[in-house]
N, C-alpha and C. Protein backbone atom coordinates (compact mmCIF):
# COMPACT_ATOMS: atom_id res chain seq x y z
N MET A 1 81.24 46.12 78.00
CA MET A 1 80.92 45.51 79.27
C MET A 1 80.09 46.48 80.11
N ALA A 2 78.99 46.01 80.69
CA ALA A 2 78.12 46.89 81.48
C ALA A 2 78.78 47.23 82.80
N GLU A 3 78.57 48.45 83.26
CA GLU A 3 79.12 48.87 84.54
C GLU A 3 78.24 48.36 85.66
N ARG A 4 78.85 47.90 86.76
CA ARG A 4 78.11 47.43 87.92
C ARG A 4 78.35 48.36 89.08
N SER A 5 77.31 48.60 89.86
CA SER A 5 77.42 49.48 91.02
C SER A 5 77.16 48.69 92.28
N SER A 6 77.91 49.02 93.34
CA SER A 6 77.67 48.39 94.63
C SER A 6 76.65 49.19 95.41
N ILE A 7 76.17 48.62 96.52
CA ILE A 7 75.23 49.34 97.38
C ILE A 7 75.85 50.62 97.90
N PHE A 8 77.20 50.63 98.07
CA PHE A 8 77.89 51.83 98.56
C PHE A 8 77.87 52.93 97.52
N ASP A 9 77.94 52.57 96.23
CA ASP A 9 77.82 53.57 95.17
C ASP A 9 76.45 54.21 95.20
N MET A 10 75.41 53.41 95.47
CA MET A 10 74.05 53.94 95.46
C MET A 10 73.78 54.82 96.68
N ILE A 11 74.32 54.44 97.84
CA ILE A 11 74.16 55.26 99.03
C ILE A 11 74.95 56.54 98.89
N GLY A 12 76.14 56.43 98.32
CA GLY A 12 76.98 57.61 98.13
C GLY A 12 78.01 57.75 99.23
N PRO A 13 79.00 58.60 99.02
CA PRO A 13 80.10 58.75 99.96
C PRO A 13 79.77 59.70 101.10
N VAL A 14 80.60 59.65 102.15
CA VAL A 14 80.55 60.68 103.19
C VAL A 14 81.11 61.96 102.58
N MET A 15 80.35 63.06 102.63
CA MET A 15 80.74 64.22 101.85
C MET A 15 80.05 65.47 102.36
N ILE A 16 80.57 66.62 101.91
CA ILE A 16 79.90 67.90 102.05
C ILE A 16 78.97 68.06 100.84
N GLY A 17 77.72 68.47 101.06
CA GLY A 17 76.71 68.56 100.00
C GLY A 17 77.00 69.65 98.98
N PRO A 18 76.06 69.84 98.02
CA PRO A 18 74.69 69.34 98.04
C PRO A 18 74.47 67.99 97.37
N SER A 19 75.34 67.51 96.47
CA SER A 19 75.07 66.23 95.81
C SER A 19 76.38 65.50 95.53
N SER A 20 76.26 64.17 95.42
CA SER A 20 77.47 63.38 95.20
C SER A 20 78.07 63.64 93.83
N SER A 21 77.22 63.85 92.82
CA SER A 21 77.74 64.12 91.47
C SER A 21 78.43 65.46 91.39
N HIS A 22 77.79 66.48 91.98
CA HIS A 22 78.27 67.85 91.83
C HIS A 22 79.31 68.25 92.87
N THR A 23 79.43 67.46 93.94
CA THR A 23 80.42 67.79 94.96
C THR A 23 81.47 66.68 95.09
N ALA A 24 81.08 65.51 95.60
CA ALA A 24 82.07 64.45 95.87
C ALA A 24 82.79 64.02 94.60
N GLY A 25 82.04 63.77 93.52
CA GLY A 25 82.67 63.36 92.27
C GLY A 25 83.61 64.42 91.73
N VAL A 26 83.19 65.68 91.84
CA VAL A 26 84.01 66.79 91.34
C VAL A 26 85.30 66.90 92.15
N VAL A 27 85.20 66.80 93.48
CA VAL A 27 86.40 66.84 94.33
C VAL A 27 87.35 65.72 93.93
N ARG A 28 86.82 64.53 93.69
CA ARG A 28 87.68 63.39 93.37
C ARG A 28 88.37 63.55 92.02
N ILE A 29 87.69 64.13 91.06
CA ILE A 29 88.34 64.40 89.77
C ILE A 29 89.55 65.31 89.98
N ALA A 30 89.36 66.35 90.79
CA ALA A 30 90.47 67.28 91.05
C ALA A 30 91.58 66.60 91.84
N LEU A 31 91.24 65.77 92.81
CA LEU A 31 92.26 65.06 93.59
C LEU A 31 93.09 64.14 92.69
N ALA A 32 92.42 63.45 91.76
CA ALA A 32 93.16 62.60 90.82
C ALA A 32 94.10 63.44 89.97
N ALA A 33 93.61 64.61 89.52
CA ALA A 33 94.43 65.47 88.65
C ALA A 33 95.67 65.99 89.35
N ILE A 34 95.54 66.40 90.62
CA ILE A 34 96.72 66.94 91.29
C ILE A 34 97.72 65.84 91.64
N ARG A 35 97.24 64.61 91.79
CA ARG A 35 98.18 63.51 92.02
C ARG A 35 98.92 63.17 90.72
N ILE A 36 98.27 63.32 89.60
CA ILE A 36 98.97 63.13 88.33
C ILE A 36 100.00 64.24 88.13
N LEU A 37 99.61 65.47 88.48
CA LEU A 37 100.54 66.60 88.39
C LEU A 37 101.69 66.46 89.37
N GLY A 38 101.37 65.93 90.56
CA GLY A 38 102.38 65.76 91.59
C GLY A 38 102.47 66.92 92.56
N ALA A 39 101.48 67.82 92.52
CA ALA A 39 101.51 69.00 93.39
C ALA A 39 100.17 69.71 93.33
N VAL A 40 99.92 70.56 94.33
CA VAL A 40 98.82 71.51 94.22
C VAL A 40 99.23 72.54 93.19
N PRO A 41 98.40 72.80 92.17
CA PRO A 41 98.82 73.70 91.09
C PRO A 41 98.86 75.16 91.54
N THR A 42 99.57 75.95 90.78
CA THR A 42 99.53 77.40 90.99
C THR A 42 98.51 78.06 90.06
N HIS A 43 98.22 77.40 88.92
CA HIS A 43 97.26 77.93 87.94
C HIS A 43 96.36 76.80 87.45
N ALA A 44 95.08 77.10 87.28
CA ALA A 44 94.14 76.09 86.80
C ALA A 44 93.10 76.73 85.88
N THR A 45 92.87 76.10 84.75
CA THR A 45 91.75 76.44 83.89
C THR A 45 90.78 75.27 83.93
N VAL A 46 89.57 75.55 84.37
CA VAL A 46 88.55 74.52 84.59
C VAL A 46 87.43 74.72 83.58
N THR A 47 87.16 73.70 82.76
CA THR A 47 86.07 73.78 81.79
C THR A 47 84.99 72.77 82.17
N PHE A 48 83.78 73.27 82.40
CA PHE A 48 82.62 72.43 82.70
C PHE A 48 81.83 72.21 81.41
N TYR A 49 81.41 70.95 81.18
CA TYR A 49 80.68 70.62 79.96
C TYR A 49 79.25 70.19 80.28
N ASN A 50 78.36 70.46 79.32
CA ASN A 50 77.00 69.94 79.30
C ASN A 50 76.23 70.30 80.58
N SER A 51 75.73 69.32 81.30
CA SER A 51 74.95 69.60 82.51
C SER A 51 75.74 70.41 83.52
N PHE A 52 77.00 70.08 83.69
CA PHE A 52 77.86 70.83 84.61
C PHE A 52 77.96 72.29 84.19
N ALA A 53 78.02 72.54 82.89
CA ALA A 53 78.15 73.92 82.39
C ALA A 53 76.97 74.77 82.83
N ARG A 54 75.80 74.15 82.94
CA ARG A 54 74.59 74.90 83.29
C ARG A 54 74.37 75.01 84.79
N THR A 55 74.98 74.11 85.57
CA THR A 55 74.63 74.04 86.99
C THR A 55 75.79 74.22 87.96
N TYR A 56 77.02 74.38 87.44
CA TYR A 56 78.18 74.30 88.35
C TYR A 56 78.17 75.36 89.44
N GLU A 57 77.65 76.56 89.15
CA GLU A 57 77.62 77.60 90.17
C GLU A 57 76.55 77.33 91.21
N GLY A 58 75.34 77.04 90.75
CA GLY A 58 74.23 76.82 91.67
C GLY A 58 74.40 75.59 92.54
N HIS A 59 75.07 74.55 92.03
CA HIS A 59 75.24 73.32 92.78
C HIS A 59 76.57 73.23 93.51
N GLY A 60 77.36 74.27 93.43
CA GLY A 60 78.61 74.30 94.19
C GLY A 60 79.76 73.51 93.60
N SER A 61 79.65 73.14 92.32
CA SER A 61 80.75 72.39 91.70
C SER A 61 81.99 73.25 91.54
N ASP A 62 81.81 74.57 91.45
CA ASP A 62 82.97 75.47 91.34
C ASP A 62 83.78 75.45 92.63
N ARG A 63 83.09 75.49 93.77
CA ARG A 63 83.81 75.40 95.05
C ARG A 63 84.43 74.01 95.22
N ALA A 64 83.70 72.97 94.78
CA ALA A 64 84.19 71.60 94.95
C ALA A 64 85.47 71.36 94.14
N ILE A 65 85.52 71.87 92.91
CA ILE A 65 86.71 71.62 92.09
C ILE A 65 87.92 72.35 92.65
N VAL A 66 87.70 73.57 93.16
CA VAL A 66 88.80 74.33 93.76
C VAL A 66 89.27 73.63 95.04
N ALA A 67 88.33 73.12 95.83
CA ALA A 67 88.70 72.40 97.05
C ALA A 67 89.55 71.17 96.72
N GLY A 68 89.15 70.42 95.70
CA GLY A 68 89.94 69.26 95.30
C GLY A 68 91.32 69.63 94.81
N LEU A 69 91.41 70.75 94.09
CA LEU A 69 92.72 71.21 93.62
C LEU A 69 93.63 71.61 94.77
N LEU A 70 93.03 71.98 95.89
CA LEU A 70 93.81 72.29 97.09
C LEU A 70 94.15 71.05 97.91
N GLY A 71 93.58 69.91 97.50
CA GLY A 71 93.86 68.66 98.20
C GLY A 71 92.88 68.33 99.30
N PHE A 72 91.75 69.04 99.40
CA PHE A 72 90.77 68.77 100.45
C PHE A 72 89.98 67.50 100.11
N PRO A 73 89.72 66.63 101.09
CA PRO A 73 88.90 65.43 100.83
C PRO A 73 87.42 65.77 100.71
N THR A 74 86.62 64.80 100.32
CA THR A 74 85.21 65.04 100.02
C THR A 74 84.38 65.45 101.23
N ASP A 75 84.85 65.10 102.44
CA ASP A 75 84.07 65.43 103.64
C ASP A 75 84.65 66.62 104.42
N ASP A 76 85.51 67.40 103.78
CA ASP A 76 86.19 68.52 104.44
C ASP A 76 85.27 69.75 104.48
N VAL A 77 85.05 70.27 105.67
CA VAL A 77 84.15 71.42 105.81
C VAL A 77 84.71 72.66 105.12
N ARG A 78 86.00 72.67 104.79
CA ARG A 78 86.60 73.82 104.12
C ARG A 78 86.13 73.95 102.67
N ILE A 79 85.45 72.93 102.15
CA ILE A 79 84.93 73.01 100.78
C ILE A 79 84.04 74.23 100.62
N ARG A 80 83.25 74.53 101.63
CA ARG A 80 82.31 75.66 101.55
C ARG A 80 83.03 76.99 101.35
N ASP A 81 84.25 77.09 101.85
CA ASP A 81 85.01 78.34 101.75
C ASP A 81 86.25 78.16 100.88
N ALA A 82 86.12 77.30 99.85
CA ALA A 82 87.29 76.94 99.03
C ALA A 82 87.90 78.15 98.34
N PHE A 83 87.07 79.11 97.92
CA PHE A 83 87.61 80.26 97.19
C PHE A 83 88.58 81.07 98.06
N SER A 84 88.19 81.29 99.32
CA SER A 84 89.10 82.06 100.19
C SER A 84 90.35 81.27 100.53
N HIS A 85 90.23 79.95 100.65
CA HIS A 85 91.41 79.12 100.90
C HIS A 85 92.34 79.13 99.68
N ALA A 86 91.76 79.16 98.49
CA ALA A 86 92.57 79.23 97.27
C ALA A 86 93.35 80.54 97.20
N GLU A 87 92.71 81.62 97.60
CA GLU A 87 93.38 82.93 97.60
C GLU A 87 94.57 82.92 98.55
N GLN A 88 94.36 82.32 99.72
CA GLN A 88 95.44 82.23 100.72
C GLN A 88 96.58 81.34 100.20
N ALA A 89 96.24 80.30 99.45
CA ALA A 89 97.25 79.37 98.95
C ALA A 89 97.94 79.86 97.68
N GLY A 90 97.42 80.94 97.07
CA GLY A 90 98.01 81.46 95.85
C GLY A 90 97.62 80.70 94.61
N LEU A 91 96.49 79.97 94.67
CA LEU A 91 95.99 79.24 93.51
C LEU A 91 95.15 80.18 92.64
N GLN A 92 95.57 80.38 91.41
CA GLN A 92 94.81 81.19 90.45
C GLN A 92 94.02 80.25 89.54
N TYR A 93 92.75 80.56 89.34
CA TYR A 93 91.89 79.67 88.55
C TYR A 93 90.93 80.47 87.68
N VAL A 94 90.53 79.83 86.58
CA VAL A 94 89.57 80.41 85.64
C VAL A 94 88.54 79.34 85.33
N PHE A 95 87.25 79.72 85.32
CA PHE A 95 86.18 78.80 84.96
C PHE A 95 85.69 79.09 83.54
N GLN A 96 85.47 78.01 82.77
CA GLN A 96 84.89 78.11 81.44
C GLN A 96 83.75 77.11 81.35
N SER A 97 82.81 77.33 80.42
CA SER A 97 81.71 76.39 80.27
C SER A 97 81.40 76.16 78.80
N VAL A 98 81.09 74.90 78.48
CA VAL A 98 80.68 74.50 77.13
C VAL A 98 79.38 73.72 77.30
N GLY A 99 78.27 74.32 76.89
CA GLY A 99 76.97 73.76 77.21
C GLY A 99 76.47 72.68 76.28
N ASN A 100 77.11 72.49 75.12
CA ASN A 100 76.59 71.52 74.16
C ASN A 100 77.73 70.75 73.51
N ALA A 101 78.31 69.83 74.27
CA ALA A 101 79.36 68.95 73.74
C ALA A 101 78.77 67.55 73.63
N SER A 102 78.18 67.25 72.48
CA SER A 102 77.35 66.06 72.33
C SER A 102 78.12 64.75 72.49
N THR A 103 79.41 64.76 72.25
CA THR A 103 80.19 63.52 72.35
C THR A 103 80.66 63.25 73.77
N MET A 104 80.40 64.16 74.69
CA MET A 104 80.91 64.03 76.05
C MET A 104 79.80 63.64 77.04
N HIS A 105 80.20 62.96 78.10
CA HIS A 105 79.30 62.61 79.20
C HIS A 105 78.68 63.89 79.76
N PRO A 106 77.43 63.85 80.23
CA PRO A 106 76.78 65.06 80.74
C PRO A 106 77.54 65.78 81.84
N ASN A 107 78.25 65.04 82.69
CA ASN A 107 78.98 65.66 83.80
C ASN A 107 80.49 65.50 83.58
N THR A 108 81.02 66.31 82.69
CA THR A 108 82.43 66.22 82.31
C THR A 108 83.17 67.50 82.69
N ILE A 109 84.40 67.34 83.15
CA ILE A 109 85.26 68.47 83.50
C ILE A 109 86.63 68.27 82.87
N ARG A 110 87.16 69.34 82.28
CA ARG A 110 88.54 69.34 81.78
C ARG A 110 89.36 70.27 82.67
N LEU A 111 90.48 69.76 83.17
CA LEU A 111 91.37 70.53 84.03
C LEU A 111 92.71 70.72 83.33
N GLN A 112 93.10 71.96 83.14
CA GLN A 112 94.43 72.29 82.62
C GLN A 112 95.20 72.95 83.77
N LEU A 113 96.16 72.20 84.29
CA LEU A 113 96.85 72.61 85.52
C LEU A 113 98.31 72.91 85.24
N ARG A 114 98.82 73.85 86.01
CA ARG A 114 100.23 74.24 85.90
C ARG A 114 100.80 74.49 87.29
N ASP A 115 101.99 73.94 87.52
CA ASP A 115 102.72 74.22 88.76
C ASP A 115 103.98 74.99 88.38
N GLU A 116 103.96 76.28 88.62
CA GLU A 116 105.08 77.14 88.24
C GLU A 116 106.35 76.81 89.01
N ARG A 117 106.22 76.21 90.18
CA ARG A 117 107.40 75.90 90.99
C ARG A 117 108.26 74.81 90.33
N SER A 118 107.58 73.82 89.74
CA SER A 118 108.32 72.72 89.10
C SER A 118 108.37 72.87 87.59
N GLY A 119 107.51 73.74 87.03
CA GLY A 119 107.43 73.88 85.60
C GLY A 119 106.59 72.82 84.93
N ARG A 120 105.93 71.98 85.72
CA ARG A 120 105.13 70.89 85.17
C ARG A 120 103.70 71.34 84.91
N GLY A 121 103.08 70.68 83.93
CA GLY A 121 101.68 70.91 83.63
C GLY A 121 101.01 69.61 83.27
N VAL A 122 99.68 69.58 83.36
CA VAL A 122 98.93 68.38 83.00
C VAL A 122 97.54 68.80 82.56
N GLU A 123 96.96 68.03 81.66
CA GLU A 123 95.57 68.23 81.25
C GLU A 123 94.81 66.93 81.48
N VAL A 124 93.73 67.01 82.26
CA VAL A 124 92.98 65.82 82.66
C VAL A 124 91.50 66.04 82.36
N VAL A 125 90.86 65.03 81.78
CA VAL A 125 89.41 65.06 81.55
C VAL A 125 88.78 63.98 82.41
N GLY A 126 87.80 64.37 83.24
CA GLY A 126 87.13 63.43 84.12
C GLY A 126 85.63 63.52 84.02
N GLN A 127 84.96 62.43 84.35
CA GLN A 127 83.51 62.36 84.35
C GLN A 127 83.02 62.01 85.74
N SER A 128 81.98 62.70 86.21
CA SER A 128 81.34 62.37 87.48
C SER A 128 80.11 61.52 87.18
N ARG A 129 80.14 60.24 87.61
CA ARG A 129 79.13 59.28 87.18
C ARG A 129 77.97 59.15 88.16
N GLY A 130 78.00 59.86 89.31
CA GLY A 130 76.96 59.71 90.32
C GLY A 130 77.45 58.90 91.50
N GLY A 131 76.96 59.22 92.68
CA GLY A 131 77.37 58.50 93.89
C GLY A 131 78.81 58.72 94.26
N GLY A 132 79.43 59.78 93.72
CA GLY A 132 80.84 60.03 93.98
C GLY A 132 81.78 59.25 93.08
N VAL A 133 81.23 58.42 92.20
CA VAL A 133 82.05 57.60 91.29
C VAL A 133 82.54 58.47 90.13
N ILE A 134 83.81 58.33 89.77
CA ILE A 134 84.38 59.10 88.66
C ILE A 134 85.08 58.18 87.68
N ARG A 135 85.31 58.70 86.46
CA ARG A 135 86.18 58.06 85.49
C ARG A 135 87.11 59.13 84.95
N ILE A 136 88.39 58.85 84.93
CA ILE A 136 89.36 59.72 84.25
C ILE A 136 89.51 59.15 82.84
N VAL A 137 89.09 59.95 81.84
CA VAL A 137 88.99 59.42 80.47
C VAL A 137 90.05 59.97 79.53
N GLU A 138 90.85 60.92 80.01
CA GLU A 138 91.93 61.44 79.17
C GLU A 138 92.98 62.12 80.03
N VAL A 139 94.24 61.87 79.71
CA VAL A 139 95.36 62.52 80.40
C VAL A 139 96.35 62.99 79.34
N ASP A 140 96.54 64.29 79.23
CA ASP A 140 97.49 64.87 78.26
C ASP A 140 97.23 64.38 76.84
N GLY A 141 95.97 64.26 76.47
CA GLY A 141 95.63 63.83 75.13
C GLY A 141 95.61 62.33 74.92
N PHE A 142 96.07 61.55 75.90
CA PHE A 142 96.01 60.10 75.82
C PHE A 142 94.66 59.62 76.37
N PRO A 143 93.86 58.89 75.60
CA PRO A 143 92.64 58.29 76.16
C PRO A 143 93.00 57.39 77.34
N SER A 144 92.14 57.41 78.36
CA SER A 144 92.37 56.58 79.54
C SER A 144 91.03 56.07 80.05
N ASP A 145 91.07 55.21 81.06
CA ASP A 145 89.83 54.69 81.64
C ASP A 145 90.14 54.12 83.02
N PHE A 146 90.18 54.99 84.03
CA PHE A 146 90.37 54.51 85.40
C PHE A 146 89.55 55.34 86.36
N SER A 147 89.29 54.77 87.52
CA SER A 147 88.34 55.34 88.47
C SER A 147 88.98 56.07 89.65
N ALA A 148 90.28 55.86 89.87
CA ALA A 148 91.00 56.38 91.03
C ALA A 148 90.49 55.80 92.34
N SER A 149 89.63 54.79 92.27
CA SER A 149 89.17 54.10 93.48
C SER A 149 90.09 52.93 93.82
N LEU A 150 91.00 52.61 92.89
CA LEU A 150 92.05 51.61 93.12
C LEU A 150 93.41 52.29 93.01
N HIS A 151 94.44 51.63 93.48
CA HIS A 151 95.79 52.13 93.29
C HIS A 151 96.10 52.12 91.79
N THR A 152 96.60 53.24 91.28
CA THR A 152 96.77 53.38 89.84
C THR A 152 98.20 53.78 89.49
N LEU A 153 98.72 53.12 88.48
CA LEU A 153 100.06 53.40 87.98
C LEU A 153 99.94 53.90 86.54
N ILE A 154 100.60 55.02 86.24
CA ILE A 154 100.64 55.54 84.88
C ILE A 154 102.09 55.48 84.41
N VAL A 155 102.32 54.72 83.35
CA VAL A 155 103.69 54.49 82.88
C VAL A 155 103.80 54.97 81.43
N ASP A 156 104.70 55.92 81.18
CA ASP A 156 105.04 56.34 79.82
C ASP A 156 106.31 55.59 79.41
N ALA A 157 106.20 54.82 78.32
CA ALA A 157 107.34 54.00 77.90
C ALA A 157 107.39 53.91 76.39
N ASP A 158 108.57 53.56 75.86
CA ASP A 158 108.69 53.33 74.43
C ASP A 158 107.73 52.23 74.00
N ASP A 159 107.12 52.41 72.85
CA ASP A 159 106.20 51.42 72.30
C ASP A 159 107.03 50.31 71.65
N ARG A 160 107.46 49.38 72.49
CA ARG A 160 108.34 48.32 72.01
C ARG A 160 107.78 46.96 72.38
N GLN A 161 108.16 45.96 71.64
CA GLN A 161 107.66 44.61 71.85
C GLN A 161 108.02 44.10 73.25
N GLY A 162 107.02 43.57 73.95
CA GLY A 162 107.24 42.97 75.25
C GLY A 162 107.19 43.92 76.42
N SER A 163 107.05 45.24 76.17
CA SER A 163 107.10 46.20 77.27
C SER A 163 105.93 46.04 78.24
N ILE A 164 104.74 45.80 77.71
CA ILE A 164 103.56 45.65 78.57
C ILE A 164 103.70 44.42 79.45
N ALA A 165 104.11 43.30 78.84
CA ALA A 165 104.28 42.06 79.60
C ALA A 165 105.37 42.20 80.66
N PHE A 166 106.44 42.92 80.32
CA PHE A 166 107.53 43.09 81.29
C PHE A 166 107.06 43.90 82.50
N ILE A 167 106.37 45.01 82.26
CA ILE A 167 105.90 45.83 83.37
C ILE A 167 104.89 45.06 84.22
N ALA A 168 104.03 44.29 83.57
CA ALA A 168 103.06 43.47 84.31
C ALA A 168 103.78 42.45 85.19
N SER A 169 104.87 41.88 84.69
CA SER A 169 105.61 40.89 85.49
C SER A 169 106.30 41.53 86.68
N VAL A 170 106.81 42.76 86.50
CA VAL A 170 107.43 43.48 87.62
C VAL A 170 106.40 43.73 88.72
N ILE A 171 105.22 44.16 88.32
CA ILE A 171 104.15 44.41 89.29
C ILE A 171 103.75 43.12 89.99
N ALA A 172 103.67 42.02 89.25
CA ALA A 172 103.30 40.72 89.83
C ALA A 172 104.33 40.26 90.86
N HIS A 173 105.62 40.52 90.60
CA HIS A 173 106.66 40.14 91.55
C HIS A 173 106.58 40.96 92.83
N ASP A 174 105.84 42.06 92.80
CA ASP A 174 105.62 42.87 94.00
C ASP A 174 104.36 42.42 94.73
N ASP A 175 103.80 41.28 94.30
CA ASP A 175 102.56 40.73 94.87
C ASP A 175 101.37 41.67 94.71
N CYS A 176 101.39 42.47 93.64
CA CYS A 176 100.26 43.34 93.31
C CYS A 176 99.43 42.67 92.22
N ASN A 177 98.14 42.59 92.44
CA ASN A 177 97.25 42.04 91.43
C ASN A 177 96.71 43.17 90.55
N ILE A 178 96.88 43.02 89.24
CA ILE A 178 96.38 44.02 88.30
C ILE A 178 94.88 43.81 88.09
N ALA A 179 94.10 44.86 88.38
CA ALA A 179 92.64 44.78 88.21
C ALA A 179 92.25 45.14 86.78
N THR A 180 92.82 46.23 86.26
CA THR A 180 92.56 46.63 84.87
C THR A 180 93.83 47.23 84.29
N MET A 181 93.94 47.17 82.97
CA MET A 181 95.05 47.82 82.27
C MET A 181 94.51 48.44 80.99
N PHE A 182 94.86 49.68 80.74
CA PHE A 182 94.43 50.39 79.54
C PHE A 182 95.68 51.00 78.92
N VAL A 183 95.95 50.67 77.66
CA VAL A 183 97.16 51.14 76.98
C VAL A 183 96.75 52.08 75.86
N SER A 184 97.40 53.24 75.82
CA SER A 184 97.06 54.26 74.82
C SER A 184 98.34 54.76 74.16
N ARG A 185 98.27 55.00 72.86
CA ARG A 185 99.41 55.56 72.16
C ARG A 185 98.91 56.51 71.06
N LYS A 186 99.76 57.44 70.70
CA LYS A 186 99.38 58.42 69.68
C LYS A 186 99.82 58.00 68.28
N GLY A 187 100.68 56.99 68.19
CA GLY A 187 101.15 56.51 66.90
C GLY A 187 102.04 55.30 67.10
N LYS A 188 102.17 54.49 66.05
CA LYS A 188 103.00 53.30 66.12
C LYS A 188 104.45 53.67 66.38
N ASN A 189 105.07 52.93 67.33
CA ASN A 189 106.48 53.12 67.70
C ASN A 189 106.76 54.45 68.39
N GLU A 190 105.70 55.16 68.80
CA GLU A 190 105.88 56.35 69.62
C GLU A 190 105.73 55.98 71.09
N VAL A 191 105.75 56.97 71.97
CA VAL A 191 105.59 56.68 73.39
C VAL A 191 104.17 56.18 73.65
N ALA A 192 104.07 55.09 74.40
CA ALA A 192 102.77 54.54 74.81
C ALA A 192 102.57 54.83 76.29
N ARG A 193 101.32 55.03 76.67
CA ARG A 193 101.00 55.30 78.07
C ARG A 193 100.14 54.16 78.61
N GLN A 194 100.59 53.56 79.69
CA GLN A 194 99.86 52.46 80.32
C GLN A 194 99.20 52.96 81.60
N PHE A 195 97.90 52.71 81.72
CA PHE A 195 97.14 53.04 82.92
C PHE A 195 96.79 51.72 83.59
N ILE A 196 97.37 51.47 84.76
CA ILE A 196 97.25 50.16 85.41
C ILE A 196 96.61 50.35 86.79
N GLU A 197 95.44 49.72 86.98
CA GLU A 197 94.78 49.75 88.29
C GLU A 197 95.12 48.47 89.03
N MET A 198 95.49 48.62 90.33
CA MET A 198 95.93 47.48 91.14
C MET A 198 95.12 47.40 92.41
N ASP A 199 94.99 46.17 92.93
CA ASP A 199 94.19 45.96 94.15
C ASP A 199 94.92 46.38 95.41
N SER A 200 96.22 46.56 95.34
CA SER A 200 97.00 46.94 96.52
C SER A 200 98.08 47.93 96.13
N SER A 201 98.72 48.51 97.12
CA SER A 201 99.76 49.51 96.86
C SER A 201 101.02 48.84 96.33
N ILE A 202 101.85 49.63 95.68
CA ILE A 202 103.10 49.13 95.12
C ILE A 202 104.27 49.67 95.94
N LYS A 203 105.31 48.87 96.10
CA LYS A 203 106.44 49.26 96.95
C LYS A 203 107.26 50.37 96.30
N PRO A 204 107.80 51.29 97.09
CA PRO A 204 108.66 52.35 96.55
C PRO A 204 109.84 51.81 95.75
N ILE A 205 110.42 50.69 96.18
CA ILE A 205 111.58 50.14 95.46
C ILE A 205 111.17 49.66 94.06
N THR A 206 109.93 49.18 93.93
CA THR A 206 109.45 48.75 92.61
C THR A 206 109.25 49.95 91.70
N LEU A 207 108.69 51.02 92.25
CA LEU A 207 108.53 52.25 91.47
C LEU A 207 109.88 52.76 91.00
N GLU A 208 110.87 52.74 91.90
CA GLU A 208 112.21 53.23 91.55
C GLU A 208 112.83 52.37 90.47
N TYR A 209 112.63 51.05 90.55
CA TYR A 209 113.16 50.15 89.52
C TYR A 209 112.56 50.49 88.15
N LEU A 210 111.23 50.67 88.09
CA LEU A 210 110.59 51.00 86.83
C LEU A 210 111.12 52.32 86.28
N ARG A 211 111.33 53.29 87.16
CA ARG A 211 111.81 54.61 86.72
C ARG A 211 113.24 54.55 86.19
N GLN A 212 114.01 53.56 86.60
CA GLN A 212 115.41 53.45 86.16
C GLN A 212 115.55 52.75 84.81
N LEU A 213 114.48 52.15 84.30
CA LEU A 213 114.57 51.47 83.01
C LEU A 213 114.79 52.49 81.90
N SER A 214 115.71 52.21 81.01
CA SER A 214 116.10 53.19 80.00
C SER A 214 114.97 53.52 79.04
N TRP A 215 114.04 52.61 78.83
CA TRP A 215 112.95 52.81 77.87
C TRP A 215 111.66 53.31 78.54
N VAL A 216 111.72 53.54 79.83
CA VAL A 216 110.59 54.12 80.56
C VAL A 216 110.86 55.61 80.78
N HIS A 217 109.95 56.46 80.35
CA HIS A 217 110.16 57.90 80.41
C HIS A 217 109.62 58.54 81.69
N HIS A 218 108.50 58.04 82.18
CA HIS A 218 107.90 58.65 83.37
C HIS A 218 106.96 57.65 84.03
N VAL A 219 106.95 57.66 85.36
CA VAL A 219 106.06 56.80 86.13
C VAL A 219 105.35 57.65 87.18
N THR A 220 104.02 57.57 87.20
CA THR A 220 103.21 58.27 88.20
C THR A 220 102.41 57.25 88.98
N TYR A 221 102.45 57.38 90.29
CA TYR A 221 101.67 56.47 91.16
C TYR A 221 100.59 57.26 91.87
N ILE A 222 99.34 56.80 91.77
CA ILE A 222 98.20 57.45 92.42
C ILE A 222 97.59 56.48 93.42
N PRO A 223 97.82 56.69 94.72
CA PRO A 223 97.15 55.83 95.71
C PRO A 223 95.63 56.00 95.64
N THR A 224 94.92 55.04 96.21
CA THR A 224 93.46 55.08 96.21
C THR A 224 92.95 56.42 96.76
N ILE A 225 91.98 56.99 96.04
CA ILE A 225 91.31 58.21 96.51
C ILE A 225 90.00 57.81 97.16
N ASP A 226 89.87 58.01 98.47
CA ASP A 226 88.66 57.61 99.21
C ASP A 226 87.52 58.58 98.89
């Protein structure tokens, strides 16, 4: 299916420069990653691929990714001084670059994040598509496909008959309309991961109900990232 862009995608977001791909999109990838992690990380390994690998320093993508990891929005003036803010926050980070990854989108970033306070970690791969638009294409080795521009639910559950339909019905009873759903699994009858984009927010009581199901292992809710 061909991707469609709105006039707002072409104009681009309100942001700190120099470009929507190298700044706003990069910040949004990091914001999505820390919401999946559930915290601002204490340690981050950032790998820039292809075009990003060659330009991330000159175009400020290094500052943008650190700013997003700190939770700064795309129009936050603190982006320019993200490195000093990271030092104050105790965020340790390492940059890596891979200049020739032919199977990857030109503007791809891999984030390996760790929060020592909770012991949690996450690995997220995101693409900056231009105009501040992003796609999260992998989470912890599970292929994914969501933009973080809609309310997003990530559900890890047993790969059992009827589980997808049941979760969809629970969301529908909350008056949430499902915009897209992407289901990924590493093997038959293993844990499956559902990435569900919704047009509206989901109630806390619905999230709690899903988390209490014996065959559901983990539920992450990501509100819309502006």
